[in-house]
């Protein structure tokens, strides 16, 4: 599992961290039942505040992607499979948008509107 954050990015660190975990799930680097590093361990390795990691973990918990249990840590849920299936649909959607010469911003707006 490779989790990265860019302290110079305007995107909040907890968002970057959550996005990195989501990416690992989508590419198969994290599978259901797999444990994530403890918040302290991950904070130490990424040189982040432990509360930043906990915030990211709470976001992922709220999405149903991980289960947080005191003493057990963060565990990837079965919903990871659904994330991967959804991600597998994206290349076709993006290819069709490119064929129609739709900008990424326009595609994102269409998705937001449909959502």
PDB file of N, CA and C in Angstrom:
ATOM      1  N   UNK A   1       0.848  -1.169   0.000  1.00  0.00           N
ATOM      2  CA  UNK A   1       0.000   0.000   0.000  1.00  0.00           C
ATOM      3  C   UNK A   1       0.893   1.231   0.000  1.00  0.00           C
ATOM      4  N   UNK A   2       0.574   2.154  -0.910  1.00  0.00           N
ATOM      5  CA  UNK A   2       1.353   3.377  -1.031  1.00  0.00           C
ATOM      6  C   UNK A   2       0.428   4.567  -0.822  1.00  0.00           C
ATOM      7  N   UNK A   3       0.619   5.288   0.261  1.00  0.00           N
ATOM      8  CA  UNK A   3      -0.197   6.453   0.560  1.00  0.00           C
ATOM      9  C   UNK A   3       0.707   7.675   0.509  1.00  0.00           C
ATOM     10  N   UNK A   4       0.254   8.665  -0.264  1.00  0.00           N
ATOM     11  CA  UNK A   4       1.051   9.879  -0.410  1.00  0.00           C
ATOM     12  C   UNK A   4       0.200  11.108  -0.133  1.00  0.00           C
ATOM     13  N   UNK A   5       0.855  12.144   0.345  1.00  0.00           N
ATOM     14  CA  UNK A   5       0.233  13.452   0.489  1.00  0.00           C
ATOM     15  C   UNK A   5       1.266  14.494   0.066  1.00  0.00           C
ATOM     16  N   UNK A   6       0.770  15.629  -0.399  1.00  0.00           N
ATOM     17  CA  UNK A   6       1.633  16.727  -0.821  1.00  0.00           C
ATOM     18  C   UNK A   6       1.331  17.936   0.059  1.00  0.00           C
ATOM     19  N   UNK A   7       2.215  18.230   1.018  1.00  0.00           N
ATOM     20  CA  UNK A   7       1.971  19.352   1.926  1.00  0.00           C
ATOM     21  C   UNK A   7       1.842  20.694   1.206  1.00  0.00           C
ATOM     22  N   UNK A   8       2.380  20.816  -0.014  1.00  0.00           N
ATOM     23  CA  UNK A   8       2.322  22.071  -0.763  1.00  0.00           C
ATOM     24  C   UNK A   8       1.009  22.221  -1.538  1.00  0.00           C
ATOM     25  N   UNK A   9       0.221  21.175  -1.616  1.00  0.00           N
ATOM     26  CA  UNK A   9      -1.038  21.216  -2.355  1.00  0.00           C
ATOM     27  C   UNK A   9      -2.081  22.045  -1.614  1.00  0.00           C
ATOM     28  N   UNK A  10      -2.955  22.719  -2.371  1.00  0.00           N
ATOM     29  CA  UNK A  10      -4.038  23.468  -1.722  1.00  0.00           C
ATOM     30  C   UNK A  10      -5.147  22.549  -1.182  1.00  0.00           C
ATOM     31  N   UNK A  11      -5.117  21.286  -1.560  1.00  0.00           N
ATOM     32  CA  UNK A  11      -6.115  20.317  -1.085  1.00  0.00           C
ATOM     33  C   UNK A  11      -5.758  19.937   0.354  1.00  0.00           C
ATOM     34  N   UNK A  12      -6.742  19.994   1.263  1.00  0.00           N
ATOM     35  CA  UNK A  12      -6.452  19.645   2.662  1.00  0.00           C
ATOM     36  C   UNK A  12      -5.815  18.265   2.777  1.00  0.00           C
ATOM     37  N   UNK A  13      -4.900  18.134   3.721  1.00  0.00           N
ATOM     38  CA  UNK A  13      -4.164  16.881   3.891  1.00  0.00           C
ATOM     39  C   UNK A  13      -5.084  15.693   4.163  1.00  0.00           C
ATOM     40  N   UNK A  14      -6.140  15.901   4.970  1.00  0.00           N
ATOM     41  CA  UNK A  14      -7.031  14.781   5.253  1.00  0.00           C
ATOM     42  C   UNK A  14      -7.747  14.324   3.982  1.00  0.00           C
ATOM     43  N   UNK A  15      -8.087  15.269   3.081  1.00  0.00           N
ATOM     44  CA  UNK A  15      -8.711  14.905   1.805  1.00  0.00           C
ATOM     45  C   UNK A  15      -7.736  14.126   0.930  1.00  0.00           C
ATOM     46  N   UNK A  16      -6.488  14.572   0.909  1.00  0.00           N
ATOM     47  CA  UNK A  16      -5.473  13.860   0.128  1.00  0.00           C
ATOM     48  C   UNK A  16      -5.294  12.439   0.646  1.00  0.00           C
ATOM     49  N   UNK A  17      -5.253  12.318   1.953  1.00  0.00           N
ATOM     50  CA  UNK A  17      -5.063  11.008   2.574  1.00  0.00           C
ATOM     51  C   UNK A  17      -6.234  10.086   2.254  1.00  0.00           C
ATOM     52  N   UNK A  18      -7.460  10.581   2.396  1.00  0.00           N
ATOM     53  CA  UNK A  18      -8.641   9.778   2.081  1.00  0.00           C
ATOM     54  C   UNK A  18      -8.646   9.389   0.613  1.00  0.00           C
ATOM     55  N   UNK A  19      -8.291  10.324  -0.269  1.00  0.00           N
ATOM     56  CA  UNK A  19      -8.248  10.036  -1.706  1.00  0.00           C
ATOM     57  C   UNK A  19      -7.196   8.977  -2.023  1.00  0.00           C
ATOM     58  N   UNK A  20      -6.083   9.028  -1.321  1.00  0.00           N
ATOM     59  CA  UNK A  20      -5.024   8.047  -1.537  1.00  0.00           C
ATOM     60  C   UNK A  20      -5.489   6.646  -1.129  1.00  0.00           C
ATOM     61  N   UNK A  21      -6.205   6.556  -0.020  1.00  0.00           N
ATOM     62  CA  UNK A  21      -6.737   5.256   0.416  1.00  0.00           C
ATOM     63  C   UNK A  21      -7.769   4.760  -0.599  1.00  0.00           C
ATOM     64  N   UNK A  22      -8.651   5.661  -1.062  1.00  0.00           N
ATOM     65  CA  UNK A  22      -9.633   5.270  -2.083  1.00  0.00           C
ATOM     66  C   UNK A  22      -8.935   4.732  -3.331  1.00  0.00           C
ATOM     67  N   UNK A  23      -7.875   5.407  -3.751  1.00  0.00           N
ATOM     68  CA  UNK A  23      -7.124   4.973  -4.936  1.00  0.00           C
ATOM     69  C   UNK A  23      -6.539   3.585  -4.744  1.00  0.00           C
ATOM     70  N   UNK A  24      -6.025   3.329  -3.561  1.00  0.00           N
ATOM     71  CA  UNK A  24      -5.474   2.005  -3.269  1.00  0.00           C
ATOM     72  C   UNK A  24      -6.562   0.938  -3.330  1.00  0.00           C
ATOM     73  N   UNK A  25      -7.749   1.271  -2.868  1.00  0.00           N
ATOM     74  CA  UNK A  25      -8.873   0.329  -2.925  1.00  0.00           C
ATOM     75  C   UNK A  25      -9.223   0.045  -4.380  1.00  0.00           C
ATOM     76  N   UNK A  26      -9.324   1.103  -5.185  1.00  0.00           N
ATOM     77  CA  UNK A  26      -9.725   0.966  -6.583  1.00  0.00           C
ATOM     78  C   UNK A  26      -8.707   0.157  -7.375  1.00  0.00           C
ATOM     79  N   UNK A  27      -7.433   0.381  -7.135  1.00  0.00           N
ATOM     80  CA  UNK A  27      -6.414  -0.352  -7.899  1.00  0.00           C
ATOM     81  C   UNK A  27      -6.127  -1.749  -7.329  1.00  0.00           C
ATOM     82  N   UNK A  28      -6.765  -2.083  -6.209  1.00  0.00           N
ATOM     83  CA  UNK A  28      -6.595  -3.413  -5.643  1.00  0.00           C
ATOM     84  C   UNK A  28      -5.485  -3.529  -4.622  1.00  0.00           C
ATOM     85  N   UNK A  29      -4.876  -2.415  -4.258  1.00  0.00           N
ATOM     86  CA  UNK A  29      -3.821  -2.425  -3.252  1.00  0.00           C
ATOM     87  C   UNK A  29      -4.343  -2.667  -1.851  1.00  0.00           C
ATOM     88  N   UNK A  30      -5.616  -2.401  -1.656  1.00  0.00           N
ATOM     89  CA  UNK A  30      -6.291  -2.679  -0.381  1.00  0.00           C
ATOM     90  C   UNK A  30      -7.542  -3.491  -0.685  1.00  0.00           C
ATOM     91  N   UNK A  31      -7.743  -4.543   0.057  1.00  0.00           N
ATOM     92  CA  UNK A  31      -8.885  -5.427  -0.178  1.00  0.00           C
ATOM     93  C   UNK A  31      -9.723  -5.550   1.090  1.00  0.00           C
ATOM     94  N   UNK A  32     -10.982  -5.980   0.947  1.00  0.00           N
ATOM     95  CA  UNK A  32     -11.835  -6.131   2.124  1.00  0.00           C
ATOM     96  C   UNK A  32     -11.176  -6.991   3.202  1.00  0.00           C
ATOM     97  N   UNK A  33     -11.300  -6.538   4.433  1.00  0.00           N
ATOM     98  CA  UNK A  33     -10.727  -7.245   5.571  1.00  0.00           C
ATOM     99  C   UNK A  33      -9.310  -6.821   5.909  1.00  0.00           C
ATOM    100  N   UNK A  34      -8.670  -6.096   5.018  1.00  0.00           N
ATOM    101  CA  UNK A  34      -7.290  -5.668   5.263  1.00  0.00           C
ATOM    102  C   UNK A  34      -7.270  -4.495   6.239  1.00  0.00           C
ATOM    103  N   UNK A  35      -6.303  -4.531   7.141  1.00  0.00           N
ATOM    104  CA  UNK A  35      -6.158  -3.464   8.131  1.00  0.00           C
ATOM    105  C   UNK A  35      -5.294  -2.339   7.575  1.00  0.00           C
ATOM    106  N   UNK A  36      -5.703  -1.125   7.899  1.00  0.00           N
ATOM    107  CA  UNK A  36      -4.890   0.045   7.579  1.00  0.00           C
ATOM    108  C   UNK A  36      -3.931   0.279   8.742  1.00  0.00           C
ATOM    109  N   UNK A  37      -2.862   1.016   8.496  1.00  0.00           N
ATOM    110  CA  UNK A  37      -1.964   1.336   9.610  1.00  0.00           C
ATOM    111  C   UNK A  37      -2.715   2.127  10.680  1.00  0.00           C
ATOM    112  N   UNK A  38      -2.259   2.008  11.914  1.00  0.00           N
ATOM    113  CA  UNK A  38      -2.884   2.799  12.971  1.00  0.00           C
ATOM    114  C   UNK A  38      -2.697   4.279  12.642  1.00  0.00           C
ATOM    115  N   UNK A  39      -3.567   5.106  13.203  1.00  0.00           N
ATOM    116  CA  UNK A  39      -3.481   6.542  12.950  1.00  0.00           C
ATOM    117  C   UNK A  39      -2.125   7.087  13.385  1.00  0.00           C
ATOM    118  N   UNK A  40      -1.639   6.623  14.537  1.00  0.00           N
ATOM    119  CA  UNK A  40      -0.333   7.090  15.025  1.00  0.00           C
ATOM    120  C   UNK A  40       0.798   6.667  14.087  1.00  0.00           C
ATOM    121  N   UNK A  41       0.743   5.424  13.661  1.00  0.00           N
ATOM    122  CA  UNK A  41       1.778   4.899  12.776  1.00  0.00           C
ATOM    123  C   UNK A  41       1.801   5.660  11.444  1.00  0.00           C
ATOM    124  N   UNK A  42       0.614   5.849  10.854  1.00  0.00           N
ATOM    125  CA  UNK A  42       0.536   6.543   9.570  1.00  0.00           C
ATOM    126  C   UNK A  42       0.937   8.004   9.720  1.00  0.00           C
ATOM    127  N   UNK A  43       0.489   8.639  10.783  1.00  0.00           N
ATOM    128  CA  UNK A  43       0.862  10.033  11.036  1.00  0.00           C
ATOM    129  C   UNK A  43       2.378  10.160  11.149  1.00  0.00           C
ATOM    130  N   UNK A  44       2.988   9.238  11.854  1.00  0.00           N
ATOM    131  CA  UNK A  44       4.444   9.273  12.004  1.00  0.00           C
ATOM    132  C   UNK A  44       5.173   9.078  10.695  1.00  0.00           C
ATOM    133  N   UNK A  45       4.717   8.131   9.889  1.00  0.00           N
ATOM    134  CA  UNK A  45       5.415   7.850   8.630  1.00  0.00           C
ATOM    135  C   UNK A  45       5.226   8.961   7.601  1.00  0.00           C
ATOM    136  N   UNK A  46       4.087   9.669   7.658  1.00  0.00           N
ATOM    137  CA  UNK A  46       3.830  10.754   6.705  1.00  0.00           C
ATOM    138  C   UNK A  46       4.144  12.133   7.282  1.00  0.00           C
ATOM    139  N   UNK A  47       4.592  12.152   8.546  1.00  0.00           N
ATOM    140  CA  UNK A  47       4.888  13.394   9.251  1.00  0.00           C
ATOM    141  C   UNK A  47       3.663  14.306   9.290  1.00  0.00           C
ATOM    142  N   UNK A  48       2.534  13.719   9.698  1.00  0.00           N
ATOM    143  CA  UNK A  48       1.275  14.437   9.833  1.00  0.00           C
ATOM    144  C   UNK A  48       0.833  14.412  11.288  1.00  0.00           C
ATOM    145  N   UNK A  49      -0.082  15.283  11.617  1.00  0.00           N
ATOM    146  CA  UNK A  49      -0.708  15.259  12.927  1.00  0.00           C
ATOM    147  C   UNK A  49      -1.644  14.055  12.971  1.00  0.00           C
ATOM    148  N   UNK A  50      -1.701  13.371  14.083  1.00  0.00           N
ATOM    149  CA  UNK A  50      -2.549  12.191  14.212  1.00  0.00           C
ATOM    150  C   UNK A  50      -4.023  12.549  13.984  1.00  0.00           C
ATOM    151  N   UNK A  51      -4.422  13.760  14.322  1.00  0.00           N
ATOM    152  CA  UNK A  51      -5.812  14.184  14.122  1.00  0.00           C
ATOM    153  C   UNK A  51      -6.154  14.311  12.637  1.00  0.00           C
ATOM    154  N   UNK A  52      -5.158  14.644  11.823  1.00  0.00           N
ATOM    155  CA  UNK A  52      -5.357  14.704  10.371  1.00  0.00           C
ATOM    156  C   UNK A  52      -5.682  13.319   9.842  1.00  0.00           C
ATOM    157  N   UNK A  53      -4.930  12.326  10.297  1.00  0.00           N
ATOM    158  CA  UNK A  53      -5.170  10.939   9.877  1.00  0.00           C
ATOM    159  C   UNK A  53      -6.528  10.474  10.384  1.00  0.00           C
ATOM    160  N   UNK A  54      -6.844  10.769  11.616  1.00  0.00           N
ATOM    161  CA  UNK A  54      -8.142  10.369  12.166  1.00  0.00           C
ATOM    162  C   UNK A  54      -9.289  11.016  11.398  1.00  0.00           C
ATOM    163  N   UNK A  55      -9.111  12.268  10.988  1.00  0.00           N
ATOM    164  CA  UNK A  55     -10.142  12.945  10.198  1.00  0.00           C
ATOM    165  C   UNK A  55     -10.352  12.207   8.867  1.00  0.00           C
ATOM    166  N   UNK A  56      -9.265  11.854   8.201  1.00  0.00           N
ATOM    167  CA  UNK A  56      -9.364  11.110   6.944  1.00  0.00           C
ATOM    168  C   UNK A  56     -10.049   9.763   7.169  1.00  0.00           C
ATOM    169  N   UNK A  57      -9.673   9.071   8.226  1.00  0.00           N
ATOM    170  CA  UNK A  57     -10.287   7.781   8.535  1.00  0.00           C
ATOM    171  C   UNK A  57     -11.782   7.940   8.823  1.00  0.00           C
ATOM    172  N   UNK A  58     -12.160   9.026   9.484  1.00  0.00           N
ATOM    173  CA  UNK A  58     -13.578   9.258   9.765  1.00  0.00           C
ATOM    174  C   UNK A  58     -14.359   9.519   8.476  1.00  0.00           C
ATOM    175  N   UNK A  59     -13.760  10.240   7.536  1.00  0.00           N
ATOM    176  CA  UNK A  59     -14.399  10.476   6.238  1.00  0.00           C
ATOM    177  C   UNK A  59     -14.624   9.143   5.531  1.00  0.00           C
ATOM    178  N   UNK A  60     -13.602   8.303   5.528  1.00  0.00           N
ATOM    179  CA  UNK A  60     -13.708   6.988   4.878  1.00  0.00           C
ATOM    180  C   UNK A  60     -14.723   6.102   5.591  1.00  0.00           C
ATOM    181  N   UNK A  61     -14.795   6.224   6.904  1.00  0.00           N
ATOM    182  CA  UNK A  61     -15.797   5.484   7.676  1.00  0.00           C
ATOM    183  C   UNK A  61     -17.200   5.946   7.299  1.00  0.00           C
ATOM    184  N   UNK A  62     -17.383   7.255   7.192  1.00  0.00           N
ATOM    185  CA  UNK A  62     -18.688   7.806   6.833  1.00  0.00           C
ATOM    186  C   UNK A  62     -19.120   7.371   5.430  1.00  0.00           C
ATOM    187  N   UNK A  63     -18.157   7.121   4.554  1.00  0.00           N
ATOM    188  CA  UNK A  63     -18.449   6.628   3.202  1.00  0.00           C
ATOM    189  C   UNK A  63     -18.720   5.129   3.199  1.00  0.00           C
ATOM    190  N   UNK A  64     -18.430   4.480   4.311  1.00  0.00           N
ATOM    191  CA  UNK A  64     -18.621   3.033   4.395  1.00  0.00           C
ATOM    192  C   UNK A  64     -17.465   2.231   3.846  1.00  0.00           C
ATOM    193  N   UNK A  65     -16.351   2.888   3.557  1.00  0.00           N
ATOM    194  CA  UNK A  65     -15.205   2.195   2.969  1.00  0.00           C
ATOM    195  C   UNK A  65     -14.350   1.488   4.016  1.00  0.00           C
ATOM    196  N   UNK A  66     -14.317   2.039   5.224  1.00  0.00           N
ATOM    197  CA  UNK A  66     -13.574   1.378   6.300  1.00  0.00           C
ATOM    198  C   UNK A  66     -14.451   1.298   7.538  1.00  0.00           C
ATOM    199  N   UNK A  67     -14.088   0.382   8.396  1.00  0.00           N
ATOM    200  CA  UNK A  67     -14.751   0.216   9.686  1.00  0.00           C
ATOM    201  C   UNK A  67     -13.728   0.582  10.749  1.00  0.00           C
ATOM    202  N   UNK A  68     -14.106   1.482  11.641  1.00  0.00           N
ATOM    203  CA  UNK A  68     -13.213   1.891  12.727  1.00  0.00           C
ATOM    204  C   UNK A  68     -13.694   1.274  14.028  1.00  0.00           C
ATOM    205  N   UNK A  69     -12.806   0.554  14.674  1.00  0.00           N
ATOM    206  CA  UNK A  69     -13.129  -0.046  15.968  1.00  0.00           C
ATOM    207  C   UNK A  69     -11.996   0.252  16.929  1.00  0.00           C
ATOM    208  N   UNK A  70     -12.355   0.733  18.082  1.00  0.00           N
ATOM    209  CA  UNK A  70     -11.342   1.019  19.104  1.00  0.00           C
ATOM    210  C   UNK A  70     -10.618  -0.277  19.448  1.00  0.00           C
ATOM    211  N   UNK A  71      -9.314  -0.218  19.387  1.00  0.00           N
ATOM    212  CA  UNK A  71      -8.509  -1.384  19.716  1.00  0.00           C
ATOM    213  C   UNK A  71      -8.227  -2.284  18.523  1.00  0.00           C
ATOM    214  N   UNK A  72      -9.085  -2.235  17.498  1.00  0.00           N
ATOM    215  CA  UNK A  72      -8.872  -3.046  16.292  1.00  0.00           C
ATOM    216  C   UNK A  72      -8.338  -2.224  15.144  1.00  0.00           C
ATOM    217  N   UNK A  73      -8.531  -0.920  15.202  1.00  0.00           N
ATOM    218  CA  UNK A  73      -8.050  -0.040  14.146  1.00  0.00           C
ATOM    219  C   UNK A  73      -9.014   0.066  12.988  1.00  0.00           C
ATOM    220  N   UNK A  74      -8.485   0.440  11.846  1.00  0.00           N
ATOM    221  CA  UNK A  74      -9.270   0.643  10.633  1.00  0.00           C
ATOM    222  C   UNK A  74      -9.154  -0.578   9.735  1.00  0.00           C
ATOM    223  N   UNK A  75     -10.309  -1.089   9.316  1.00  0.00           N
ATOM    224  CA  UNK A  75     -10.357  -2.285   8.470  1.00  0.00           C
ATOM    225  C   UNK A  75     -11.186  -1.957   7.232  1.00  0.00           C
ATOM    226  N   UNK A  76     -10.688  -2.344   6.057  1.00  0.00           N
ATOM    227  CA  UNK A  76     -11.398  -2.126   4.801  1.00  0.00           C
ATOM    228  C   UNK A  76     -12.645  -3.006   4.783  1.00  0.00           C
ATOM    229  N   UNK A  77     -13.780  -2.405   4.410  1.00  0.00           N
ATOM    230  CA  UNK A  77     -15.051  -3.128   4.383  1.00  0.00           C
ATOM    231  C   UNK A  77     -15.279  -3.803   3.029  1.00  0.00           C
ATOM    232  N   UNK A  78     -16.337  -4.585   2.951  1.00  0.00           N
ATOM    233  CA  UNK A  78     -16.703  -5.239   1.693  1.00  0.00           C
ATOM    234  C   UNK A  78     -17.104  -4.233   0.624  1.00  0.00           C
ATOM    235  N   UNK A  79     -17.412  -3.028   1.032  1.00  0.00           N
ATOM    236  CA  UNK A  79     -17.790  -1.991   0.065  1.00  0.00           C
ATOM    237  C   UNK A  79     -16.643  -1.661  -0.888  1.00  0.00           C
ATOM    238  N   UNK A  80     -15.446  -2.059  -0.542  1.00  0.00           N
ATOM    239  CA  UNK A  80     -14.287  -1.820  -1.408  1.00  0.00           C
ATOM    240  C   UNK A  80     -14.506  -2.431  -2.788  1.00  0.00           C
ATOM    241  N   UNK A  81     -15.159  -3.576  -2.833  1.00  0.00           N
ATOM    242  CA  UNK A  81     -15.446  -4.219  -4.126  1.00  0.00           C
ATOM    243  C   UNK A  81     -16.338  -3.325  -4.988  1.00  0.00           C
ATOM    244  N   UNK A  82     -17.336  -2.702  -4.349  1.00  0.00           N
ATOM    245  CA  UNK A  82     -18.239  -1.817  -5.077  1.00  0.00           C
ATOM    246  C   UNK A  82     -17.497  -0.593  -5.616  1.00  0.00           C
ATOM    247  N   UNK A  83     -16.566  -0.054  -4.830  1.00  0.00           N
ATOM    248  CA  UNK A  83     -15.757   1.075  -5.300  1.00  0.00           C
ATOM    249  C   UNK A  83     -14.969   0.662  -6.533  1.00  0.00           C
ATOM    250  N   UNK A  84     -14.361  -0.510  -6.490  1.00  0.00           N
ATOM    251  CA  UNK A  84     -13.565  -0.990  -7.612  1.00  0.00           C
ATOM    252  C   UNK A  84     -14.436  -1.201  -8.853  1.00  0.00           C
ATOM    253  N   UNK A  85     -15.639  -1.727  -8.671  1.00  0.00           N
ATOM    254  CA  UNK A  85     -16.550  -1.926  -9.795  1.00  0.00           C
ATOM    255  C   UNK A  85     -16.955  -0.592 -10.411  1.00  0.00           C
ATOM    256  N   UNK A  86     -17.246   0.388  -9.573  1.00  0.00           N
ATOM    257  CA  UNK A  86     -17.604   1.711 -10.068  1.00  0.00           C
ATOM    258  C   UNK A  86     -16.431   2.329 -10.828  1.00  0.00           C
ATOM    259  N   UNK A  87     -15.248   2.212 -10.278  1.00  0.00           N
ATOM    260  CA  UNK A  87     -14.055   2.764 -10.928  1.00  0.00           C
ATOM    261  C   UNK A  87     -13.805   2.114 -12.282  1.00  0.00           C
ATOM    262  N   UNK A  88     -14.160   0.846 -12.409  1.00  0.00           N
ATOM    263  CA  UNK A  88     -13.966   0.150 -13.683  1.00  0.00           C
ATOM    264  C   UNK A  88     -14.851   0.728 -14.787  1.00  0.00           C
ATOM    265  N   UNK A  89     -15.938   1.388 -14.405  1.00  0.00           N
ATOM    266  CA  UNK A  89     -16.838   2.007 -15.382  1.00  0.00           C
ATOM    267  C   UNK A  89     -16.320   3.354 -15.894  1.00  0.00           C
ATOM    268  N   UNK A  90     -15.444   3.977 -15.149  1.00  0.00           N
ATOM    269  CA  UNK A  90     -15.001   5.325 -15.478  1.00  0.00           C
ATOM    270  C   UNK A  90     -14.239   5.460 -16.796  1.00  0.00           C
ATOM    271  N   UNK A  91     -13.343   4.539 -17.149  1.00  0.00           N
ATOM    272  CA  UNK A  91     -12.629   4.722 -18.417  1.00  0.00           C
ATOM    273  C   UNK A  91     -13.559   4.832 -19.625  1.00  0.00           C
ATOM    274  N   UNK A  92     -14.625   4.065 -19.655  1.00  0.00           N
ATOM    275  CA  UNK A  92     -15.568   4.149 -20.776  1.00  0.00           C
ATOM    276  C   UNK A  92     -16.275   5.502 -20.784  1.00  0.00           C
ATOM    277  N   UNK A  93     -16.649   5.981 -19.602  1.00  0.00           N
ATOM    278  CA  UNK A  93     -17.303   7.282 -19.499  1.00  0.00           C
ATOM    279  C   UNK A  93     -16.367   8.391 -19.965  1.00  0.00           C
ATOM    280  N   UNK A  94     -15.131   8.351 -19.520  1.00  0.00           N
ATOM    281  CA  UNK A  94     -14.154   9.370 -19.903  1.00  0.00           C
ATOM    282  C   UNK A  94     -13.871   9.301 -21.403  1.00  0.00           C
ATOM    283  N   UNK A  95     -13.752   8.091 -21.947  1.00  0.00           N
ATOM    284  CA  UNK A  95     -13.506   7.941 -23.381  1.00  0.00           C
ATOM    285  C   UNK A  95     -14.645   8.541 -24.198  1.00  0.00           C
ATOM    286  N   UNK A  96     -15.868   8.311 -23.766  1.00  0.00           N
ATOM    287  CA  UNK A  96     -17.019   8.869 -24.475  1.00  0.00           C
ATOM    288  C   UNK A  96     -17.038  10.394 -24.370  1.00  0.00           C
ATOM    289  N   UNK A  97     -16.700  10.920 -23.192  1.00  0.00           N
ATOM    290  CA  UNK A  97     -16.636  12.377 -23.021  1.00  0.00           C
ATOM    291  C   UNK A  97     -15.569  12.974 -23.937  1.00  0.00           C
ATOM    292  N   UNK A  98     -14.437  12.313 -24.055  1.00  0.00           N
ATOM    293  CA  UNK A  98     -13.374  12.796 -24.953  1.00  0.00           C
ATOM    294  C   UNK A  98     -13.839  12.750 -26.401  1.00  0.00           C
ATOM    295  N   UNK A  99     -14.538  11.676 -26.764  1.00  0.00           N
ATOM    296  CA  UNK A  99     -15.041  11.548 -28.135  1.00  0.00           C
ATOM    297  C   UNK A  99     -15.978  12.710 -28.465  1.00  0.00           C
ATOM    298  N   UNK A 100     -16.750  13.131 -27.478  1.00  0.00           N
ATOM    299  CA  UNK A 100     -17.680  14.244 -27.662  1.00  0.00           C
ATOM    300  C   UNK A 100     -17.011  15.605 -27.438  1.00  0.00           C
ATOM    301  N   UNK A 101     -15.702  15.579 -27.166  1.00  0.00           N
ATOM    302  CA  UNK A 101     -14.905  16.776 -26.901  1.00  0.00           C
ATOM    303  C   UNK A 101     -15.458  17.580 -25.727  1.00  0.00           C
ATOM    304  N   UNK A 102     -15.896  16.853 -24.732  1.00  0.00           N
ATOM    305  CA  UNK A 102     -16.419  17.445 -23.508  1.00  0.00           C
ATOM    306  C   UNK A 102     -15.247  17.699 -22.561  1.00  0.00           C
ATOM    307  N   UNK A 103     -15.193  18.870 -21.976  1.00  0.00           N
ATOM    308  CA  UNK A 103     -14.086  19.181 -21.063  1.00  0.00           C
ATOM    309  C   UNK A 103     -14.266  18.415 -19.753  1.00  0.00           C
ATOM    310  N   UNK A 104     -13.166  18.193 -19.026  1.00  0.00           N
ATOM    311  CA  UNK A 104     -13.292  17.540 -17.714  1.00  0.00           C
ATOM    312  C   UNK A 104     -14.234  18.302 -16.784  1.00  0.00           C
ATOM    313  N   UNK A 105     -14.192  19.622 -16.839  1.00  0.00           N
ATOM    314  CA  UNK A 105     -15.071  20.422 -15.974  1.00  0.00           C
ATOM    315  C   UNK A 105     -16.541  20.203 -16.345  1.00  0.00           C
ATOM    316  N   UNK A 106     -16.824  20.114 -17.635  1.00  0.00           N
ATOM    317  CA  UNK A 106     -18.202  19.888 -18.079  1.00  0.00           C
ATOM    318  C   UNK A 106     -18.680  18.505 -17.657  1.00  0.00           C
ATOM    319  N   UNK A 107     -17.803  17.497 -17.794  1.00  0.00           N
ATOM    320  CA  UNK A 107     -18.154  16.147 -17.374  1.00  0.00           C
ATOM    321  C   UNK A 107     -18.414  16.121 -15.871  1.00  0.00           C
ATOM    322  N   UNK A 108     -17.554  16.752 -15.113  1.00  0.00           N
ATOM    323  CA  UNK A 108     -17.731  16.813 -13.650  1.00  0.00           C
ATOM    324  C   UNK A 108     -19.047  17.500 -13.298  1.00  0.00           C
ATOM    325  N   UNK A 109     -19.381  18.571 -14.020  1.00  0.00           N
ATOM    326  CA  UNK A 109     -20.641  19.275 -13.761  1.00  0.00           C
ATOM    327  C   UNK A 109     -21.829  18.375 -14.056  1.00  0.00           C
ATOM    328  N   UNK A 110     -21.749  17.586 -15.124  1.00  0.00           N
ATOM    329  CA  UNK A 110     -22.832  16.664 -15.464  1.00  0.00           C
ATOM    330  C   UNK A 110     -22.993  15.610 -14.358  1.00  0.00           C
ATOM    331  N   UNK A 111     -21.885  15.132 -13.855  1.00  0.00           N
ATOM    332  CA  UNK A 111     -21.942  14.120 -12.796  1.00  0.00           C
ATOM    333  C   UNK A 111     -22.537  14.729 -11.532  1.00  0.00           C
ATOM    334  N   UNK A 112     -22.087  15.934 -11.172  1.00  0.00           N
ATOM    335  CA  UNK A 112     -22.640  16.598  -9.984  1.00  0.00           C
ATOM    336  C   UNK A 112     -24.143  16.813 -10.132  1.00  0.00           C
ATOM    337  N   UNK A 113     -24.579  17.219 -11.309  1.00  0.00           N
ATOM    338  CA  UNK A 113     -25.998  17.467 -11.544  1.00  0.00           C
ATOM    339  C   UNK A 113     -26.805  16.169 -11.438  1.00  0.00           C
ATOM    340  N   UNK A 114     -26.267  15.102 -12.002  1.00  0.00           N
ATOM    341  CA  UNK A 114     -26.968  13.814 -11.962  1.00  0.00           C
ATOM    342  C   UNK A 114     -26.986  13.233 -10.551  1.00  0.00           C
ATOM    343  N   UNK A 115     -25.975  13.548  -9.775  1.00  0.00           N
ATOM    344  CA  UNK A 115     -25.855  13.012  -8.423  1.00  0.00           C
ATOM    345  C   UNK A 115     -26.855  13.667  -7.510  1.00  0.00           C
TER     346      UNK A 115
END
